[in-house]
């Protein structure tokens, strides 16, 4: 039912999962419903967290969703201070953005 509403009212889908298998299944269903409705398949967005202590995991955290059809990543992190936020934003800019698939 949810994906039918996405097709009817939206241009994108932001599921509450980062599991590549679930994302791929959702993408397949979206494509099917979009074809039935005669419209383009909505873009898929996904949440992901990137731990500054594990930069070696960045390629996998970006690659698996991309392979599942995710068009855009929403990077999230918990922080208590503006300084923590600034450090994480700097990490995203220096380590994550350059690793994004072309």
N, C-alpha and C. Protein backbone atom coordinates (compact mmCIF):
# COMPACT_ATOMS: atom_id res chain seq x y z
N UNK A 1 0.82 -1.19 0.00
CA UNK A 1 0.00 0.00 0.00
C UNK A 1 0.87 1.26 0.00
N UNK A 2 1.92 1.26 0.82
CA UNK A 2 2.79 2.43 0.90
C UNK A 2 3.40 2.75 -0.46
N UNK A 3 3.92 1.75 -1.14
CA UNK A 3 4.57 2.01 -2.42
C UNK A 3 3.58 2.50 -3.47
N UNK A 4 2.34 2.08 -3.37
CA UNK A 4 1.31 2.63 -4.27
C UNK A 4 1.12 4.13 -4.03
N UNK A 5 1.18 4.54 -2.76
CA UNK A 5 1.08 5.97 -2.45
C UNK A 5 2.30 6.72 -2.95
N UNK A 6 3.46 6.11 -2.86
CA UNK A 6 4.67 6.73 -3.40
C UNK A 6 4.47 7.00 -4.89
N UNK A 7 3.98 6.02 -5.61
CA UNK A 7 3.74 6.19 -7.05
C UNK A 7 2.70 7.27 -7.31
N UNK A 8 1.67 7.29 -6.50
CA UNK A 8 0.58 8.25 -6.73
C UNK A 8 0.95 9.68 -6.39
N UNK A 9 1.72 9.87 -5.29
CA UNK A 9 1.90 11.22 -4.77
C UNK A 9 3.33 11.75 -4.76
N UNK A 10 4.33 10.90 -5.00
CA UNK A 10 5.70 11.33 -4.74
C UNK A 10 6.64 11.12 -5.93
N UNK A 11 7.78 11.77 -5.85
CA UNK A 11 8.84 11.59 -6.84
C UNK A 11 10.03 10.86 -6.24
N UNK A 12 9.91 10.46 -4.97
CA UNK A 12 10.99 9.76 -4.30
C UNK A 12 10.47 8.93 -3.15
N UNK A 13 11.31 7.99 -2.72
CA UNK A 13 10.97 7.10 -1.60
C UNK A 13 12.14 7.06 -0.65
N UNK A 14 11.88 7.29 0.64
CA UNK A 14 12.90 7.25 1.68
C UNK A 14 12.50 6.15 2.67
N UNK A 15 12.87 4.90 2.36
CA UNK A 15 12.48 3.80 3.24
C UNK A 15 13.24 3.85 4.56
N UNK A 16 12.69 3.20 5.55
CA UNK A 16 13.32 3.17 6.86
C UNK A 16 14.19 1.93 7.01
N UNK A 17 14.93 1.61 5.97
CA UNK A 17 15.87 0.50 6.01
C UNK A 17 17.08 0.85 5.18
N UNK A 18 18.20 0.30 5.56
CA UNK A 18 19.41 0.42 4.76
C UNK A 18 19.85 -0.93 4.22
N UNK A 19 19.02 -1.95 4.48
CA UNK A 19 19.32 -3.31 4.04
C UNK A 19 19.25 -3.37 2.51
N UNK A 20 20.38 -3.64 1.84
CA UNK A 20 20.39 -3.64 0.37
C UNK A 20 19.38 -4.61 -0.24
N UNK A 21 19.14 -5.76 0.38
CA UNK A 21 18.18 -6.72 -0.19
C UNK A 21 16.76 -6.14 -0.14
N UNK A 22 16.42 -5.50 0.97
CA UNK A 22 15.09 -4.89 1.07
C UNK A 22 14.95 -3.70 0.13
N UNK A 23 16.03 -2.93 -0.01
CA UNK A 23 16.00 -1.80 -0.93
C UNK A 23 15.82 -2.28 -2.37
N UNK A 24 16.52 -3.33 -2.74
CA UNK A 24 16.41 -3.86 -4.11
C UNK A 24 15.01 -4.39 -4.37
N UNK A 25 14.43 -5.07 -3.40
CA UNK A 25 13.07 -5.58 -3.56
C UNK A 25 12.08 -4.43 -3.68
N UNK A 26 12.26 -3.40 -2.86
CA UNK A 26 11.39 -2.22 -2.95
C UNK A 26 11.53 -1.51 -4.28
N UNK A 27 12.75 -1.44 -4.77
CA UNK A 27 12.98 -0.80 -6.07
C UNK A 27 12.27 -1.58 -7.18
N UNK A 28 12.36 -2.88 -7.13
CA UNK A 28 11.70 -3.70 -8.15
C UNK A 28 10.20 -3.48 -8.11
N UNK A 29 9.64 -3.44 -6.91
CA UNK A 29 8.19 -3.22 -6.79
C UNK A 29 7.82 -1.82 -7.25
N UNK A 30 8.62 -0.82 -6.89
CA UNK A 30 8.36 0.55 -7.36
C UNK A 30 8.36 0.62 -8.88
N UNK A 31 9.34 -0.03 -9.49
CA UNK A 31 9.44 -0.03 -10.94
C UNK A 31 8.18 -0.65 -11.56
N UNK A 32 7.75 -1.76 -10.99
CA UNK A 32 6.55 -2.44 -11.48
C UNK A 32 5.32 -1.54 -11.36
N UNK A 33 5.14 -0.93 -10.20
CA UNK A 33 3.99 -0.05 -9.99
C UNK A 33 4.06 1.20 -10.87
N UNK A 34 5.25 1.74 -11.05
CA UNK A 34 5.41 2.91 -11.91
C UNK A 34 5.07 2.57 -13.35
N UNK A 35 5.52 1.41 -13.81
CA UNK A 35 5.18 0.98 -15.18
C UNK A 35 3.68 0.86 -15.34
N UNK A 36 3.01 0.26 -14.35
CA UNK A 36 1.55 0.12 -14.40
C UNK A 36 0.86 1.47 -14.46
N UNK A 37 1.43 2.46 -13.77
CA UNK A 37 0.83 3.79 -13.71
C UNK A 37 1.27 4.68 -14.87
N UNK A 38 2.21 4.19 -15.68
CA UNK A 38 2.69 4.98 -16.81
C UNK A 38 3.54 6.17 -16.39
N UNK A 39 4.30 5.99 -15.35
CA UNK A 39 5.17 7.10 -14.92
C UNK A 39 6.56 6.60 -14.60
N UNK A 40 7.47 7.53 -14.43
CA UNK A 40 8.86 7.20 -14.13
C UNK A 40 8.98 6.61 -12.73
N UNK A 41 9.95 5.73 -12.55
CA UNK A 41 10.20 5.15 -11.24
C UNK A 41 10.77 6.23 -10.32
N UNK A 42 10.18 6.42 -9.15
CA UNK A 42 10.70 7.43 -8.22
C UNK A 42 12.12 7.09 -7.75
N UNK A 43 12.88 8.13 -7.44
CA UNK A 43 14.22 7.93 -6.88
C UNK A 43 14.12 7.34 -5.48
N UNK A 44 15.14 6.58 -5.12
CA UNK A 44 15.21 6.02 -3.78
C UNK A 44 16.32 6.73 -3.02
N UNK A 45 16.00 7.14 -1.81
CA UNK A 45 16.94 7.76 -0.90
C UNK A 45 17.14 6.80 0.27
N UNK A 46 18.29 6.80 0.90
CA UNK A 46 18.52 5.93 2.05
C UNK A 46 19.34 6.64 3.11
N UNK A 47 19.02 6.31 4.36
CA UNK A 47 19.80 6.80 5.48
C UNK A 47 21.05 5.94 5.62
N UNK A 48 22.13 6.56 6.05
CA UNK A 48 23.32 5.81 6.38
C UNK A 48 24.11 6.60 7.42
N UNK A 49 24.79 5.88 8.26
CA UNK A 49 25.67 6.51 9.23
C UNK A 49 27.10 6.15 8.88
N UNK A 50 27.99 7.06 9.10
CA UNK A 50 29.40 6.85 8.81
C UNK A 50 30.18 7.14 10.08
N UNK A 51 30.90 6.14 10.53
CA UNK A 51 31.67 6.26 11.77
C UNK A 51 33.09 6.72 11.44
N UNK A 52 33.48 7.84 12.02
CA UNK A 52 34.83 8.37 11.77
C UNK A 52 35.90 7.38 12.20
N UNK A 53 35.57 6.47 13.11
CA UNK A 53 36.56 5.49 13.58
C UNK A 53 36.72 4.32 12.62
N UNK A 54 35.85 4.24 11.61
CA UNK A 54 35.88 3.12 10.66
C UNK A 54 35.84 3.60 9.21
N UNK A 55 36.79 4.42 8.80
CA UNK A 55 36.76 4.95 7.44
C UNK A 55 36.88 3.86 6.38
N UNK A 56 37.46 2.71 6.74
CA UNK A 56 37.60 1.62 5.76
C UNK A 56 36.25 1.04 5.35
N UNK A 57 35.20 1.31 6.11
CA UNK A 57 33.87 0.79 5.78
C UNK A 57 33.09 1.69 4.83
N UNK A 58 33.63 2.86 4.52
CA UNK A 58 32.92 3.81 3.67
C UNK A 58 32.55 3.22 2.31
N UNK A 59 33.47 2.59 1.59
CA UNK A 59 33.07 2.06 0.26
C UNK A 59 31.89 1.09 0.33
N UNK A 60 31.86 0.22 1.31
CA UNK A 60 30.75 -0.72 1.44
C UNK A 60 29.46 -0.01 1.82
N UNK A 61 29.56 0.99 2.68
CA UNK A 61 28.36 1.72 3.12
C UNK A 61 27.76 2.53 1.97
N UNK A 62 28.57 2.86 0.99
CA UNK A 62 28.07 3.58 -0.18
C UNK A 62 27.74 2.64 -1.33
N UNK A 63 28.56 1.62 -1.52
CA UNK A 63 28.41 0.74 -2.67
C UNK A 63 27.19 -0.14 -2.63
N UNK A 64 26.91 -0.75 -1.48
CA UNK A 64 25.76 -1.67 -1.40
C UNK A 64 24.43 -0.96 -1.69
N UNK A 65 24.17 0.21 -1.11
CA UNK A 65 22.92 0.89 -1.46
C UNK A 65 22.87 1.30 -2.95
N UNK A 66 24.00 1.74 -3.48
CA UNK A 66 24.02 2.12 -4.90
C UNK A 66 23.68 0.93 -5.79
N UNK A 67 24.23 -0.23 -5.45
CA UNK A 67 23.92 -1.43 -6.23
C UNK A 67 22.46 -1.82 -6.11
N UNK A 68 21.81 -1.46 -5.00
CA UNK A 68 20.40 -1.77 -4.78
C UNK A 68 19.48 -0.73 -5.42
N UNK A 69 20.07 0.30 -6.05
CA UNK A 69 19.25 1.30 -6.74
C UNK A 69 19.05 2.60 -6.01
N UNK A 70 19.75 2.81 -4.91
CA UNK A 70 19.62 4.06 -4.17
C UNK A 70 20.31 5.18 -4.95
N UNK A 71 19.58 6.27 -5.13
CA UNK A 71 20.12 7.40 -5.88
C UNK A 71 20.84 8.40 -4.99
N UNK A 72 20.39 8.50 -3.73
CA UNK A 72 20.96 9.51 -2.83
C UNK A 72 21.05 8.93 -1.41
N UNK A 73 22.10 9.34 -0.71
CA UNK A 73 22.32 8.92 0.67
C UNK A 73 22.09 10.12 1.59
N UNK A 74 21.36 9.90 2.66
CA UNK A 74 21.19 10.90 3.70
C UNK A 74 22.07 10.46 4.87
N UNK A 75 23.12 11.21 5.13
CA UNK A 75 24.06 10.84 6.19
C UNK A 75 23.58 11.40 7.51
N UNK A 76 23.48 10.52 8.49
CA UNK A 76 23.03 10.94 9.80
C UNK A 76 24.04 10.60 10.87
N UNK A 77 24.00 11.34 11.93
CA UNK A 77 24.87 11.07 13.07
C UNK A 77 24.26 11.76 14.29
N UNK A 78 24.48 11.17 15.43
CA UNK A 78 24.07 11.82 16.68
C UNK A 78 25.23 12.68 17.17
N UNK A 79 24.91 13.83 17.69
CA UNK A 79 25.93 14.71 18.24
C UNK A 79 25.32 15.53 19.36
N UNK A 80 26.14 15.90 20.30
CA UNK A 80 25.67 16.65 21.47
C UNK A 80 26.06 18.12 21.41
N UNK A 81 27.08 18.43 20.63
CA UNK A 81 27.56 19.81 20.57
C UNK A 81 27.78 20.23 19.13
N UNK A 82 27.88 21.51 18.95
CA UNK A 82 28.17 22.04 17.62
C UNK A 82 29.55 21.59 17.14
N UNK A 83 30.49 21.46 18.06
CA UNK A 83 31.83 21.00 17.69
C UNK A 83 31.80 19.56 17.16
N UNK A 84 31.01 18.69 17.82
CA UNK A 84 30.88 17.32 17.33
C UNK A 84 30.26 17.30 15.94
N UNK A 85 29.24 18.13 15.73
CA UNK A 85 28.63 18.21 14.42
C UNK A 85 29.64 18.68 13.38
N UNK A 86 30.41 19.70 13.71
CA UNK A 86 31.41 20.25 12.78
C UNK A 86 32.46 19.20 12.43
N UNK A 87 32.91 18.43 13.42
CA UNK A 87 33.89 17.37 13.14
C UNK A 87 33.31 16.32 12.20
N UNK A 88 32.06 15.97 12.43
CA UNK A 88 31.45 14.96 11.56
C UNK A 88 31.24 15.52 10.15
N UNK A 89 30.81 16.74 10.04
CA UNK A 89 30.62 17.36 8.73
C UNK A 89 31.95 17.41 7.98
N UNK A 90 33.02 17.72 8.68
CA UNK A 90 34.35 17.74 8.07
C UNK A 90 34.74 16.33 7.59
N UNK A 91 34.48 15.32 8.42
CA UNK A 91 34.74 13.93 8.04
C UNK A 91 33.96 13.56 6.78
N UNK A 92 32.69 13.92 6.73
CA UNK A 92 31.88 13.62 5.54
C UNK A 92 32.50 14.26 4.29
N UNK A 93 32.90 15.52 4.42
CA UNK A 93 33.47 16.22 3.28
C UNK A 93 34.81 15.66 2.84
N UNK A 94 35.61 15.25 3.79
CA UNK A 94 36.96 14.78 3.46
C UNK A 94 37.02 13.30 3.07
N UNK A 95 36.16 12.46 3.68
CA UNK A 95 36.29 11.02 3.46
C UNK A 95 35.12 10.39 2.71
N UNK A 96 33.90 10.87 2.96
CA UNK A 96 32.73 10.23 2.37
C UNK A 96 32.44 10.78 0.97
N UNK A 97 32.36 12.08 0.85
CA UNK A 97 32.02 12.67 -0.46
C UNK A 97 32.98 12.21 -1.56
N UNK A 98 34.29 12.19 -1.33
CA UNK A 98 35.18 11.73 -2.39
C UNK A 98 34.98 10.24 -2.75
N UNK A 99 34.39 9.47 -1.85
CA UNK A 99 34.19 8.03 -2.10
C UNK A 99 32.85 7.74 -2.79
N UNK A 100 32.03 8.77 -3.01
CA UNK A 100 30.73 8.54 -3.66
C UNK A 100 30.90 7.97 -5.06
N UNK A 101 30.06 7.00 -5.43
CA UNK A 101 30.13 6.48 -6.80
C UNK A 101 29.83 7.59 -7.81
N UNK A 102 30.49 7.51 -8.93
CA UNK A 102 30.29 8.52 -9.97
C UNK A 102 28.96 8.37 -10.65
